[in-house]
Structure formats: C-alpha cells, structure tokens
Amino acid sequence: MTGHGHEQHHPRGTAAPQAGHENMVCPVCGRPVGTVVWRRKVLGAFVPAWGPGPCRNPDCSAFAPAESSRG
C-alpha cells in the first residue's frame, strides 16, 4: 500500500478561541489591542494565561500610554 487515496485534506481554519488567538479589543472603545500573556498556577504548575492589553487610543477613557524601556 502506497497510501495514495488515503490522504485527508482539511481546509486550514482559524485557531481555536481557547488557544488565545482571537483578536482582543478594548472593552471601552472597541478598537483592537495587543495581547498580554502572564502565568498563573493551576494544580501546582504554572500555565500561560492571556487577555487584552492596554488601550493605545488617546481618545479612549481607558487609554494607557506606552511604557518606555529606558531607565
């Protein structure tokens, strides 16, 4: 058997929402925001968790200016 005819072709779709790949939006203005990743402890092991980052829209009431990495 050469495997011909047994190949399965699946269309590529989007990542599963639980994988954290959905687009995050600001809850106030609805504009897209970046994703922030942090760790949380579950049953003694650290696992990644993610959520919406700060809003960078200066007209939004939830606006958070970008932090400078200089110090």
PDB file of N, CA and C in Angstrom:
ATOM      1  N   MET A   1       0.848  -1.181   0.000  1.00  0.00           N
ATOM      2  CA  MET A   1       0.000   0.000   0.000  1.00  0.00           C
ATOM      3  C   MET A   1       0.891   1.240   0.000  1.00  0.00           C
ATOM      4  N   THR A   2       0.643   2.096  -0.903  1.00  0.00           N
ATOM      5  CA  THR A   2       1.451   3.300  -1.009  1.00  0.00           C
ATOM      6  C   THR A   2       0.815   4.478  -0.283  1.00  0.00           C
ATOM      7  N   GLY A   3      -0.393   4.348   0.170  1.00  0.00           N
ATOM      8  CA  GLY A   3      -1.055   5.424   0.881  1.00  0.00           C
ATOM      9  C   GLY A   3      -1.800   6.381  -0.014  1.00  0.00           C
ATOM     10  N   HIS A   4      -1.738   6.165  -1.321  1.00  0.00           N
ATOM     11  CA  HIS A   4      -2.470   7.043  -2.216  1.00  0.00           C
ATOM     12  C   HIS A   4      -3.959   6.806  -2.039  1.00  0.00           C
ATOM     13  N   GLY A   5      -4.705   7.862  -2.011  1.00  0.00           N
ATOM     14  CA  GLY A   5      -6.145   7.733  -1.853  1.00  0.00           C
ATOM     15  C   GLY A   5      -6.574   7.773  -0.394  1.00  0.00           C
ATOM     16  N   HIS A   6      -5.618   7.596   0.523  1.00  0.00           N
ATOM     17  CA  HIS A   6      -5.954   7.630   1.946  1.00  0.00           C
ATOM     18  C   HIS A   6      -5.574   8.963   2.576  1.00  0.00           C
ATOM     19  N   GLU A   7      -5.095   9.885   1.762  1.00  0.00           N
ATOM     20  CA  GLU A   7      -4.707  11.180   2.296  1.00  0.00           C
ATOM     21  C   GLU A   7      -5.956  11.993   2.587  1.00  0.00           C
ATOM     22  N   GLN A   8      -5.916  12.686   3.695  1.00  0.00           N
ATOM     23  CA  GLN A   8      -7.042  13.535   4.059  1.00  0.00           C
ATOM     24  C   GLN A   8      -6.616  14.983   3.906  1.00  0.00           C
ATOM     25  N   HIS A   9      -7.441  15.746   3.239  1.00  0.00           N
ATOM     26  CA  HIS A   9      -7.170  17.162   3.056  1.00  0.00           C
ATOM     27  C   HIS A   9      -8.203  17.946   3.839  1.00  0.00           C
ATOM     28  N   HIS A  10      -7.715  18.750   4.773  1.00  0.00           N
ATOM     29  CA  HIS A  10      -8.602  19.580   5.572  1.00  0.00           C
ATOM     30  C   HIS A  10      -8.308  21.040   5.270  1.00  0.00           C
ATOM     31  N   PRO A  11      -9.329  21.840   5.083  1.00  0.00           N
ATOM     32  CA  PRO A  11      -9.080  23.269   4.866  1.00  0.00           C
ATOM     33  C   PRO A  11      -8.488  23.886   6.131  1.00  0.00           C
ATOM     34  N   ARG A  12      -7.568  24.801   5.922  1.00  0.00           N
ATOM     35  CA  ARG A  12      -6.979  25.461   7.087  1.00  0.00           C
ATOM     36  C   ARG A  12      -7.972  26.480   7.614  1.00  0.00           C
ATOM     37  N   GLY A  13      -8.228  26.405   8.890  1.00  0.00           N
ATOM     38  CA  GLY A  13      -9.150  27.341   9.513  1.00  0.00           C
ATOM     39  C   GLY A  13      -8.419  28.235  10.489  1.00  0.00           C
ATOM     40  N   THR A  14      -9.180  28.936  11.287  1.00  0.00           N
ATOM     41  CA  THR A  14      -8.580  29.795  12.292  1.00  0.00           C
ATOM     42  C   THR A  14      -8.264  28.976  13.527  1.00  0.00           C
ATOM     43  N   ALA A  15      -7.415  29.514  14.369  1.00  0.00           N
ATOM     44  CA  ALA A  15      -7.066  28.826  15.609  1.00  0.00           C
ATOM     45  C   ALA A  15      -8.281  28.790  16.530  1.00  0.00           C
ATOM     46  N   ALA A  16      -8.303  27.808  17.393  1.00  0.00           N
ATOM     47  CA  ALA A  16      -9.401  27.671  18.330  1.00  0.00           C
ATOM     48  C   ALA A  16      -9.423  28.872  19.284  1.00  0.00           C
ATOM     49  N   PRO A  17     -10.597  29.403  19.609  1.00  0.00           N
ATOM     50  CA  PRO A  17     -10.659  30.560  20.501  1.00  0.00           C
ATOM     51  C   PRO A  17      -9.997  30.316  21.846  1.00  0.00           C
ATOM     52  N   GLN A  18     -10.064  29.105  22.373  1.00  0.00           N
ATOM     53  CA  GLN A  18      -9.450  28.832  23.652  1.00  0.00           C
ATOM     54  C   GLN A  18      -7.930  28.854  23.576  1.00  0.00           C
ATOM     55  N   ALA A  19      -7.387  28.865  22.386  1.00  0.00           N
ATOM     56  CA  ALA A  19      -5.937  28.934  22.235  1.00  0.00           C
ATOM     57  C   ALA A  19      -5.424  30.355  22.392  1.00  0.00           C
ATOM     58  N   GLY A  20      -6.290  31.326  22.550  1.00  0.00           N
ATOM     59  CA  GLY A  20      -5.891  32.698  22.785  1.00  0.00           C
ATOM     60  C   GLY A  20      -5.506  33.457  21.540  1.00  0.00           C
ATOM     61  N   HIS A  21      -5.945  33.008  20.394  1.00  0.00           N
ATOM     62  CA  HIS A  21      -5.568  33.661  19.160  1.00  0.00           C
ATOM     63  C   HIS A  21      -6.665  34.552  18.603  1.00  0.00           C
ATOM     64  N   GLU A  22      -7.733  34.728  19.360  1.00  0.00           N
ATOM     65  CA  GLU A  22      -8.768  35.619  18.869  1.00  0.00           C
ATOM     66  C   GLU A  22      -8.293  37.061  19.024  1.00  0.00           C
ATOM     67  N   ASN A  23      -8.854  37.947  18.263  1.00  0.00           N
ATOM     68  CA  ASN A  23      -8.465  39.344  18.330  1.00  0.00           C
ATOM     69  C   ASN A  23      -9.044  39.970  19.589  1.00  0.00           C
ATOM     70  N   MET A  24      -8.191  40.621  20.359  1.00  0.00           N
ATOM     71  CA  MET A  24      -8.625  41.286  21.576  1.00  0.00           C
ATOM     72  C   MET A  24      -9.020  42.713  21.233  1.00  0.00           C
ATOM     73  N   VAL A  25     -10.052  43.222  21.885  1.00  0.00           N
ATOM     74  CA  VAL A  25     -10.494  44.595  21.665  1.00  0.00           C
ATOM     75  C   VAL A  25     -10.647  45.295  23.014  1.00  0.00           C
ATOM     76  N   CYS A  26     -10.537  46.612  22.983  1.00  0.00           N
ATOM     77  CA  CYS A  26     -10.731  47.421  24.186  1.00  0.00           C
ATOM     78  C   CYS A  26     -12.206  47.339  24.591  1.00  0.00           C
ATOM     79  N   PRO A  27     -12.507  47.080  25.862  1.00  0.00           N
ATOM     80  CA  PRO A  27     -13.907  46.993  26.272  1.00  0.00           C
ATOM     81  C   PRO A  27     -14.616  48.340  26.260  1.00  0.00           C
ATOM     82  N   VAL A  28     -13.852  49.457  26.226  1.00  0.00           N
ATOM     83  CA  VAL A  28     -14.459  50.783  26.244  1.00  0.00           C
ATOM     84  C   VAL A  28     -14.733  51.298  24.830  1.00  0.00           C
ATOM     85  N   CYS A  29     -13.673  51.334  23.980  1.00  0.00           N
ATOM     86  CA  CYS A  29     -13.845  51.935  22.651  1.00  0.00           C
ATOM     87  C   CYS A  29     -13.995  50.899  21.538  1.00  0.00           C
ATOM     88  N   GLY A  30     -13.670  49.645  21.794  1.00  0.00           N
ATOM     89  CA  GLY A  30     -13.851  48.597  20.802  1.00  0.00           C
ATOM     90  C   GLY A  30     -12.734  48.479  19.780  1.00  0.00           C
ATOM     91  N   ARG A  31     -11.678  49.272  19.918  1.00  0.00           N
ATOM     92  CA  ARG A  31     -10.547  49.174  18.993  1.00  0.00           C
ATOM     93  C   ARG A  31      -9.673  47.987  19.359  1.00  0.00           C
ATOM     94  N   PRO A  32      -8.958  47.441  18.374  1.00  0.00           N
ATOM     95  CA  PRO A  32      -8.072  46.310  18.656  1.00  0.00           C
ATOM     96  C   PRO A  32      -6.943  46.705  19.612  1.00  0.00           C
ATOM     97  N   VAL A  33      -6.616  45.793  20.512  1.00  0.00           N
ATOM     98  CA  VAL A  33      -5.496  45.985  21.435  1.00  0.00           C
ATOM     99  C   VAL A  33      -4.603  44.751  21.360  1.00  0.00           C
ATOM    100  N   GLY A  34      -3.414  44.869  21.859  1.00  0.00           N
ATOM    101  CA  GLY A  34      -2.489  43.747  21.885  1.00  0.00           C
ATOM    102  C   GLY A  34      -2.899  42.716  22.928  1.00  0.00           C
ATOM    103  N   THR A  35      -2.234  41.587  22.897  1.00  0.00           N
ATOM    104  CA  THR A  35      -2.494  40.525  23.850  1.00  0.00           C
ATOM    105  C   THR A  35      -1.387  40.504  24.897  1.00  0.00           C
ATOM    106  N   VAL A  36      -1.769  40.389  26.160  1.00  0.00           N
ATOM    107  CA  VAL A  36      -0.825  40.315  27.264  1.00  0.00           C
ATOM    108  C   VAL A  36      -0.840  38.890  27.795  1.00  0.00           C
ATOM    109  N   VAL A  37       0.353  38.325  27.988  1.00  0.00           N
ATOM    110  CA  VAL A  37       0.468  36.964  28.495  1.00  0.00           C
ATOM    111  C   VAL A  37       1.075  37.010  29.890  1.00  0.00           C
ATOM    112  N   TRP A  38       0.524  36.232  30.808  1.00  0.00           N
ATOM    113  CA  TRP A  38       1.061  36.120  32.156  1.00  0.00           C
ATOM    114  C   TRP A  38       0.973  34.670  32.589  1.00  0.00           C
ATOM    115  N   ARG A  39       1.526  34.353  33.741  1.00  0.00           N
ATOM    116  CA  ARG A  39       1.472  32.986  34.247  1.00  0.00           C
ATOM    117  C   ARG A  39       0.491  32.910  35.407  1.00  0.00           C
ATOM    118  N   ARG A  40      -0.157  31.766  35.515  1.00  0.00           N
ATOM    119  CA  ARG A  40      -0.988  31.507  36.690  1.00  0.00           C
ATOM    120  C   ARG A  40      -0.742  30.073  37.120  1.00  0.00           C
ATOM    121  N   LYS A  41      -0.969  29.808  38.378  1.00  0.00           N
ATOM    122  CA  LYS A  41      -0.679  28.484  38.914  1.00  0.00           C
ATOM    123  C   LYS A  41      -1.963  27.657  38.973  1.00  0.00           C
ATOM    124  N   VAL A  42      -1.899  26.470  38.379  1.00  0.00           N
ATOM    125  CA  VAL A  42      -3.035  25.558  38.369  1.00  0.00           C
ATOM    126  C   VAL A  42      -2.530  24.189  38.805  1.00  0.00           C
ATOM    127  N   LEU A  43      -3.068  23.680  39.903  1.00  0.00           N
ATOM    128  CA  LEU A  43      -2.684  22.370  40.426  1.00  0.00           C
ATOM    129  C   LEU A  43      -1.163  22.241  40.573  1.00  0.00           C
ATOM    130  N   GLY A  44      -0.525  23.305  41.028  1.00  0.00           N
ATOM    131  CA  GLY A  44       0.905  23.271  41.288  1.00  0.00           C
ATOM    132  C   GLY A  44       1.800  23.534  40.102  1.00  0.00           C
ATOM    133  N   ALA A  45       1.228  23.775  38.937  1.00  0.00           N
ATOM    134  CA  ALA A  45       2.035  24.040  37.739  1.00  0.00           C
ATOM    135  C   ALA A  45       1.649  25.407  37.170  1.00  0.00           C
ATOM    136  N   PHE A  46       2.647  26.131  36.696  1.00  0.00           N
ATOM    137  CA  PHE A  46       2.375  27.415  36.060  1.00  0.00           C
ATOM    138  C   PHE A  46       1.942  27.185  34.615  1.00  0.00           C
ATOM    139  N   VAL A  47       0.849  27.824  34.241  1.00  0.00           N
ATOM    140  CA  VAL A  47       0.331  27.716  32.878  1.00  0.00           C
ATOM    141  C   VAL A  47       0.147  29.122  32.320  1.00  0.00           C
ATOM    142  N   PRO A  48       0.267  29.291  31.002  1.00  0.00           N
ATOM    143  CA  PRO A  48       0.079  30.622  30.437  1.00  0.00           C
ATOM    144  C   PRO A  48      -1.393  31.023  30.433  1.00  0.00           C
ATOM    145  N   ALA A  49      -1.613  32.300  30.642  1.00  0.00           N
ATOM    146  CA  ALA A  49      -2.946  32.889  30.539  1.00  0.00           C
ATOM    147  C   ALA A  49      -2.780  34.182  29.760  1.00  0.00           C
ATOM    148  N   TRP A  50      -3.798  34.575  29.035  1.00  0.00           N
ATOM    149  CA  TRP A  50      -3.676  35.786  28.237  1.00  0.00           C
ATOM    150  C   TRP A  50      -4.987  36.544  28.235  1.00  0.00           C
ATOM    151  N   GLY A  51      -4.876  37.827  27.957  1.00  0.00           N
ATOM    152  CA  GLY A  51      -6.042  38.689  27.933  1.00  0.00           C
ATOM    153  C   GLY A  51      -5.721  39.955  27.165  1.00  0.00           C
ATOM    154  N   PRO A  52      -6.676  40.870  27.108  1.00  0.00           N
ATOM    155  CA  PRO A  52      -6.445  42.097  26.352  1.00  0.00           C
ATOM    156  C   PRO A  52      -5.416  42.985  27.035  1.00  0.00           C
ATOM    157  N   GLY A  53      -4.579  43.592  26.223  1.00  0.00           N
ATOM    158  CA  GLY A  53      -3.581  44.526  26.730  1.00  0.00           C
ATOM    159  C   GLY A  53      -4.180  45.908  26.903  1.00  0.00           C
ATOM    160  N   PRO A  54      -3.349  46.882  27.271  1.00  0.00           N
ATOM    161  CA  PRO A  54      -3.846  48.236  27.465  1.00  0.00           C
ATOM    162  C   PRO A  54      -4.245  48.897  26.145  1.00  0.00           C
ATOM    163  N   CYS A  55      -5.203  49.800  26.215  1.00  0.00           N
ATOM    164  CA  CYS A  55      -5.667  50.522  25.034  1.00  0.00           C
ATOM    165  C   CYS A  55      -4.681  51.631  24.700  1.00  0.00           C
ATOM    166  N   ARG A  56      -4.334  51.768  23.435  1.00  0.00           N
ATOM    167  CA  ARG A  56      -3.391  52.793  22.990  1.00  0.00           C
ATOM    168  C   ARG A  56      -4.087  53.929  22.238  1.00  0.00           C
ATOM    169  N   ASN A  57      -5.419  53.970  22.286  1.00  0.00           N
ATOM    170  CA  ASN A  57      -6.189  55.020  21.632  1.00  0.00           C
ATOM    171  C   ASN A  57      -6.249  56.232  22.575  1.00  0.00           C
ATOM    172  N   PRO A  58      -5.595  57.361  22.220  1.00  0.00           N
ATOM    173  CA  PRO A  58      -5.573  58.515  23.129  1.00  0.00           C
ATOM    174  C   PRO A  58      -6.951  59.136  23.372  1.00  0.00           C
ATOM    175  N   ASP A  59      -7.935  58.855  22.535  1.00  0.00           N
ATOM    176  CA  ASP A  59      -9.283  59.399  22.731  1.00  0.00           C
ATOM    177  C   ASP A  59     -10.149  58.510  23.624  1.00  0.00           C
ATOM    178  N   CYS A  60      -9.616  57.374  24.067  1.00  0.00           N
ATOM    179  CA  CYS A  60     -10.362  56.410  24.879  1.00  0.00           C
ATOM    180  C   CYS A  60     -10.151  56.724  26.369  1.00  0.00           C
ATOM    181  N   SER A  61     -11.195  56.522  27.175  1.00  0.00           N
ATOM    182  CA  SER A  61     -11.068  56.766  28.615  1.00  0.00           C
ATOM    183  C   SER A  61     -10.197  55.701  29.294  1.00  0.00           C
ATOM    184  N   ALA A  62      -9.964  54.572  28.639  1.00  0.00           N
ATOM    185  CA  ALA A  62      -9.109  53.512  29.181  1.00  0.00           C
ATOM    186  C   ALA A  62      -7.691  53.593  28.626  1.00  0.00           C
ATOM    187  N   PHE A  63      -7.325  54.721  28.030  1.00  0.00           N
ATOM    188  CA  PHE A  63      -6.015  54.902  27.402  1.00  0.00           C
ATOM    189  C   PHE A  63      -4.889  54.704  28.412  1.00  0.00           C
ATOM    190  N   ALA A  64      -3.865  53.956  27.992  1.00  0.00           N
ATOM    191  CA  ALA A  64      -2.668  53.760  28.807  1.00  0.00           C
ATOM    192  C   ALA A  64      -1.465  54.075  27.914  1.00  0.00           C
ATOM    193  N   PRO A  65      -0.704  55.126  28.256  1.00  0.00           N
ATOM    194  CA  PRO A  65       0.463  55.449  27.410  1.00  0.00           C
ATOM    195  C   PRO A  65       1.479  54.314  27.426  1.00  0.00           C
ATOM    196  N   ALA A  66       2.202  54.192  26.325  1.00  0.00           N
ATOM    197  CA  ALA A  66       3.214  53.147  26.211  1.00  0.00           C
ATOM    198  C   ALA A  66       4.315  53.394  27.230  1.00  0.00           C
ATOM    199  N   GLU A  67       4.767  52.321  27.873  1.00  0.00           N
ATOM    200  CA  GLU A  67       5.854  52.425  28.839  1.00  0.00           C
ATOM    201  C   GLU A  67       7.182  52.470  28.090  1.00  0.00           C
ATOM    202  N   SER A  68       8.063  53.320  28.524  1.00  0.00           N
ATOM    203  CA  SER A  68       9.385  53.352  27.894  1.00  0.00           C
ATOM    204  C   SER A  68      10.282  52.331  28.581  1.00  0.00           C
ATOM    205  N   SER A  69      11.136  51.697  27.794  1.00  0.00           N
ATOM    206  CA  SER A  69      12.014  50.672  28.342  1.00  0.00           C
ATOM    207  C   SER A  69      13.344  51.268  28.798  1.00  0.00           C
ATOM    208  N   ARG A  70      13.476  52.572  28.662  1.00  0.00           N
ATOM    209  CA  ARG A  70      14.710  53.239  29.088  1.00  0.00           C
ATOM    210  C   ARG A  70      14.657  53.507  30.576  1.00  0.00           C
ATOM    211  N   GLY A  71      15.821  53.432  31.217  1.00  0.00           N
ATOM    212  CA  GLY A  71      15.766  53.651  32.646  1.00  0.00           C
ATOM    213  C   GLY A  71      16.973  54.240  33.245  1.00  0.00           C
TER     214      GLY A  71
END
